[in-house]
N, C-alpha and C. Protein backbone atom coordinates (compact mmCIF):
# COMPACT_ATOMS: atom_id res chain seq x y z
N MET A 1 -69.51 50.51 22.04
CA MET A 1 -68.05 50.90 21.44
C MET A 1 -67.73 50.03 22.58
N GLY A 2 -65.98 49.91 22.71
CA GLY A 2 -65.27 48.63 23.02
C GLY A 2 -64.37 49.54 23.85
N ASP A 3 -63.67 49.18 24.52
CA ASP A 3 -62.48 49.50 25.38
C ASP A 3 -61.61 50.54 24.37
N PRO A 4 -60.88 51.58 24.82
CA PRO A 4 -59.66 52.75 23.94
C PRO A 4 -58.96 51.55 23.47
N VAL A 5 -58.39 50.83 24.41
CA VAL A 5 -56.95 50.62 24.25
C VAL A 5 -57.08 48.88 23.46
N THR A 6 -58.34 48.92 23.16
CA THR A 6 -58.60 47.53 22.09
C THR A 6 -58.26 48.25 20.50
N TRP A 7 -59.61 50.06 20.95
CA TRP A 7 -58.99 50.17 19.49
C TRP A 7 -57.72 51.10 19.40
N ILE A 8 -56.98 51.35 20.03
CA ILE A 8 -55.52 51.55 19.79
C ILE A 8 -55.05 50.37 18.92
N LEU A 9 -54.87 49.90 19.92
CA LEU A 9 -54.16 48.25 18.93
C LEU A 9 -54.84 48.14 17.79
N GLY A 10 -56.16 47.81 17.57
CA GLY A 10 -56.66 47.19 16.17
C GLY A 10 -56.02 48.68 15.32
N LEU A 11 -56.13 50.01 15.64
CA LEU A 11 -55.77 50.94 14.53
C LEU A 11 -54.10 50.11 14.35
N GLY A 12 -53.45 50.30 15.23
CA GLY A 12 -51.61 50.04 15.18
C GLY A 12 -51.94 48.80 14.39
N THR A 13 -52.74 47.55 14.19
CA THR A 13 -52.25 46.45 13.94
C THR A 13 -52.46 47.36 12.65
N LEU A 14 -53.14 47.98 11.57
CA LEU A 14 -53.88 48.39 10.85
C LEU A 14 -52.95 49.02 9.84
N ILE A 15 -52.63 50.23 10.77
CA ILE A 15 -50.98 50.56 10.18
C ILE A 15 -49.98 49.85 9.73
N VAL A 16 -49.84 49.06 10.25
CA VAL A 16 -48.79 48.39 10.66
C VAL A 16 -48.83 47.31 9.18
N SER A 17 -49.77 46.21 9.06
CA SER A 17 -50.54 45.79 8.08
C SER A 17 -50.18 46.68 6.77
N ALA A 18 -51.45 47.48 6.95
CA ALA A 18 -51.03 48.37 5.58
C ALA A 18 -49.71 48.66 5.34
N PHE A 19 -48.61 49.35 5.87
CA PHE A 19 -47.13 49.61 5.74
C PHE A 19 -46.45 48.27 5.10
N LEU A 20 -46.71 47.24 5.50
CA LEU A 20 -46.15 46.16 5.77
C LEU A 20 -46.67 45.49 4.07
N ILE A 21 -47.72 45.45 3.13
CA ILE A 21 -48.24 45.37 2.15
C ILE A 21 -48.11 46.29 0.74
N GLY A 22 -48.07 47.79 1.73
CA GLY A 22 -47.54 48.76 0.91
C GLY A 22 -45.53 48.34 0.58
N HIS A 23 -45.28 48.38 1.11
CA HIS A 23 -43.90 47.94 1.27
C HIS A 23 -43.83 46.19 -0.01
N LEU A 24 -44.01 45.70 0.41
CA LEU A 24 -44.15 44.17 -0.38
C LEU A 24 -44.55 44.49 -1.66
N LEU A 25 -45.35 45.72 -2.15
CA LEU A 25 -46.18 45.71 -3.08
C LEU A 25 -45.42 46.38 -4.27
N LEU A 26 -44.28 47.54 -3.41
CA LEU A 26 -43.63 48.92 -4.23
C LEU A 26 -42.19 47.94 -4.28
N ALA A 27 -41.58 46.93 -3.14
CA ALA A 27 -40.78 46.02 -3.57
C ALA A 27 -40.52 45.06 -4.43
N LEU A 28 -41.79 44.66 -5.18
CA LEU A 28 -42.07 43.70 -6.08
C LEU A 28 -42.08 44.48 -7.47
N VAL A 29 -42.61 45.73 -7.83
CA VAL A 29 -42.52 46.53 -8.48
C VAL A 29 -40.71 46.96 -8.15
N LEU A 30 -40.00 47.52 -7.48
CA LEU A 30 -39.06 47.09 -7.76
C LEU A 30 -37.80 46.36 -8.71
N ILE A 31 -38.07 44.83 -7.76
CA ILE A 31 -37.14 43.81 -7.95
C ILE A 31 -36.81 43.67 -9.29
N ILE A 32 -37.34 43.95 -10.12
CA ILE A 32 -37.61 43.33 -11.35
C ILE A 32 -36.29 44.38 -12.71
N PRO A 33 -36.68 44.95 -12.79
CA PRO A 33 -35.61 46.14 -12.88
C PRO A 33 -34.70 46.28 -12.61
N THR A 34 -34.89 46.26 -10.99
CA THR A 34 -32.91 46.11 -10.74
C THR A 34 -32.19 45.02 -10.66
N TRP A 35 -33.70 43.58 -10.90
CA TRP A 35 -32.78 42.32 -11.09
C TRP A 35 -31.59 42.68 -12.65
N ARG A 36 -32.71 43.22 -13.78
CA ARG A 36 -31.91 43.42 -15.14
C ARG A 36 -30.75 44.04 -14.96
N ILE A 37 -30.46 45.51 -14.33
CA ILE A 37 -29.66 46.15 -14.04
C ILE A 37 -28.37 45.38 -13.17
N CYS A 38 -28.54 45.03 -12.17
CA CYS A 38 -27.81 43.98 -11.38
C CYS A 38 -26.85 42.64 -12.50
N THR A 39 -27.94 41.89 -13.03
CA THR A 39 -27.33 41.33 -14.56
C THR A 39 -26.10 41.41 -15.20
N ARG A 40 -27.12 43.02 -15.99
CA ARG A 40 -26.01 43.31 -16.89
C ARG A 40 -24.88 43.65 -16.20
N ALA A 41 -24.85 44.64 -15.35
CA ALA A 41 -23.42 44.97 -14.50
C ALA A 41 -22.40 43.88 -14.06
N GLY A 42 -23.04 42.66 -13.92
CA GLY A 42 -22.16 41.56 -14.23
C GLY A 42 -22.19 41.38 -12.17
N PHE A 43 -23.01 41.41 -11.72
CA PHE A 43 -23.32 41.26 -9.92
C PHE A 43 -25.04 40.24 -10.27
N SER A 44 -25.23 39.08 -9.25
CA SER A 44 -25.73 38.47 -8.84
C SER A 44 -27.50 39.21 -8.87
N GLY A 45 -28.18 38.80 -10.07
CA GLY A 45 -29.51 39.32 -9.71
C GLY A 45 -30.44 39.24 -8.59
N ALA A 46 -30.03 38.34 -7.44
CA ALA A 46 -30.59 38.28 -6.49
C ALA A 46 -30.12 39.06 -5.81
N LEU A 47 -29.45 40.00 -6.16
CA LEU A 47 -28.98 41.31 -4.96
C LEU A 47 -30.52 42.57 -5.24
N SER A 48 -31.04 41.95 -5.85
CA SER A 48 -32.14 42.90 -6.50
C SER A 48 -33.45 42.38 -4.76
N LEU A 49 -33.25 41.36 -4.18
CA LEU A 49 -34.02 40.67 -3.30
C LEU A 49 -33.82 41.69 -1.63
N PHE A 50 -32.97 42.22 -1.69
CA PHE A 50 -32.58 43.35 -0.47
C PHE A 50 -33.98 44.26 -0.73
N HIS A 51 -34.66 44.66 -1.57
CA HIS A 51 -35.16 46.08 -1.58
C HIS A 51 -36.91 44.54 -1.00
N LEU A 52 -36.68 43.70 -0.81
CA LEU A 52 -37.64 43.10 0.27
C LEU A 52 -37.49 43.63 1.77
N VAL A 53 -35.94 43.71 2.01
CA VAL A 53 -35.58 44.16 3.25
C VAL A 53 -36.75 45.75 3.88
N PRO A 54 -37.20 45.78 4.73
CA PRO A 54 -37.81 47.14 5.33
C PRO A 54 -36.87 48.39 5.91
N LEU A 55 -36.99 49.51 5.23
CA LEU A 55 -36.58 50.28 5.22
C LEU A 55 -35.25 50.56 4.85
N ILE A 56 -33.72 49.65 4.77
CA ILE A 56 -32.76 50.22 3.89
C ILE A 56 -32.83 49.16 2.92
N GLY A 57 -33.30 48.05 2.89
CA GLY A 57 -32.69 47.08 1.53
C GLY A 57 -32.52 48.10 0.02
N SER A 58 -33.28 49.00 -0.16
CA SER A 58 -33.33 49.40 -1.42
C SER A 58 -32.10 50.51 -1.39
N PHE A 59 -31.11 51.33 -0.36
CA PHE A 59 -30.26 51.86 0.11
C PHE A 59 -29.20 50.72 -0.07
N ILE A 60 -29.33 49.56 0.59
CA ILE A 60 -28.04 48.61 0.26
C ILE A 60 -27.62 48.21 -1.03
N VAL A 61 -29.05 48.31 -1.88
CA VAL A 61 -28.49 47.76 -3.35
C VAL A 61 -28.08 49.27 -4.33
N MET A 62 -28.79 50.47 -3.98
CA MET A 62 -28.21 51.34 -4.51
C MET A 62 -26.62 51.21 -3.99
N ALA A 63 -26.29 51.33 -3.24
CA ALA A 63 -24.89 51.60 -2.25
C ALA A 63 -23.84 50.43 -3.50
N VAL A 64 -24.36 49.00 -3.47
CA VAL A 64 -23.67 48.58 -3.79
C VAL A 64 -23.27 48.88 -5.35
N LEU A 65 -24.74 49.49 -6.03
CA LEU A 65 -24.30 49.38 -7.78
C LEU A 65 -23.60 50.99 -7.70
N ALA A 66 -23.89 51.63 -6.34
CA ALA A 66 -23.00 53.02 -6.57
C ALA A 66 -21.80 52.92 -6.25
N PHE A 67 -21.09 52.70 -5.43
CA PHE A 67 -19.89 52.29 -4.83
C PHE A 67 -18.79 51.24 -5.33
N SER A 68 -19.58 50.31 -5.89
CA SER A 68 -18.60 49.27 -6.03
C SER A 68 -18.16 48.69 -7.72
N THR A 69 -16.95 48.26 -7.88
CA THR A 69 -16.67 48.36 -9.34
C THR A 69 -17.54 46.51 -9.51
N TRP A 70 -17.86 47.36 -11.15
CA TRP A 70 -18.84 46.40 -11.32
C TRP A 70 -18.05 45.58 -12.74
N PRO A 71 -18.47 44.05 -12.07
CA PRO A 71 -18.16 43.39 -12.73
C PRO A 71 -17.63 43.12 -14.03
N ASN A 72 -18.57 43.31 -15.01
CA ASN A 72 -18.46 43.87 -16.87
C ASN A 72 -18.60 44.77 -16.73
N GLY A 73 -17.51 45.96 -15.83
CA GLY A 73 -17.09 46.82 -16.50
C GLY A 73 -18.19 48.48 -16.36
N GLU A 74 -17.93 49.17 -16.22
CA GLU A 74 -18.75 50.20 -16.81
C GLU A 74 -19.50 50.81 -17.51
N ALA A 75 -20.65 51.85 -18.13
CA ALA A 75 -20.81 51.54 -19.64
C ALA A 75 -20.22 52.88 -19.56
N SER A 76 -19.71 53.28 -21.53
CA SER A 76 -19.61 54.66 -21.42
C SER A 76 -20.27 55.19 -22.38
N PRO A 77 -20.89 56.05 -22.44
CA PRO A 77 -22.71 56.66 -23.01
C PRO A 77 -22.70 55.85 -24.46
N GLY A 78 -21.81 55.80 -25.31
CA GLY A 78 -21.77 55.14 -26.51
C GLY A 78 -21.56 53.95 -26.66
N ARG A 79 -21.35 52.84 -25.23
CA ARG A 79 -21.58 51.76 -25.59
C ARG A 79 -23.16 50.85 -24.46
N ARG A 80 -23.31 50.14 -25.62
CA ARG A 80 -24.44 49.38 -24.78
C ARG A 80 -24.02 47.73 -24.67
């Protein structure tokens, strides 16, 4: 067996690595549809890259889409 501190540091590294990999996978899944939504709304598709920012990136994208005026105008239910 090893030193307990080594085990704790190793476990912490494993947890952080798993979080980062999971976050990256989720961000990559969200980037493509968000890119399309942003371009249809008239924003730059690069806005969807905020999903790569851990913890607050998705909230930034949602806030911009929800609270700003869309350059292409808001879609009405009968308009495509």
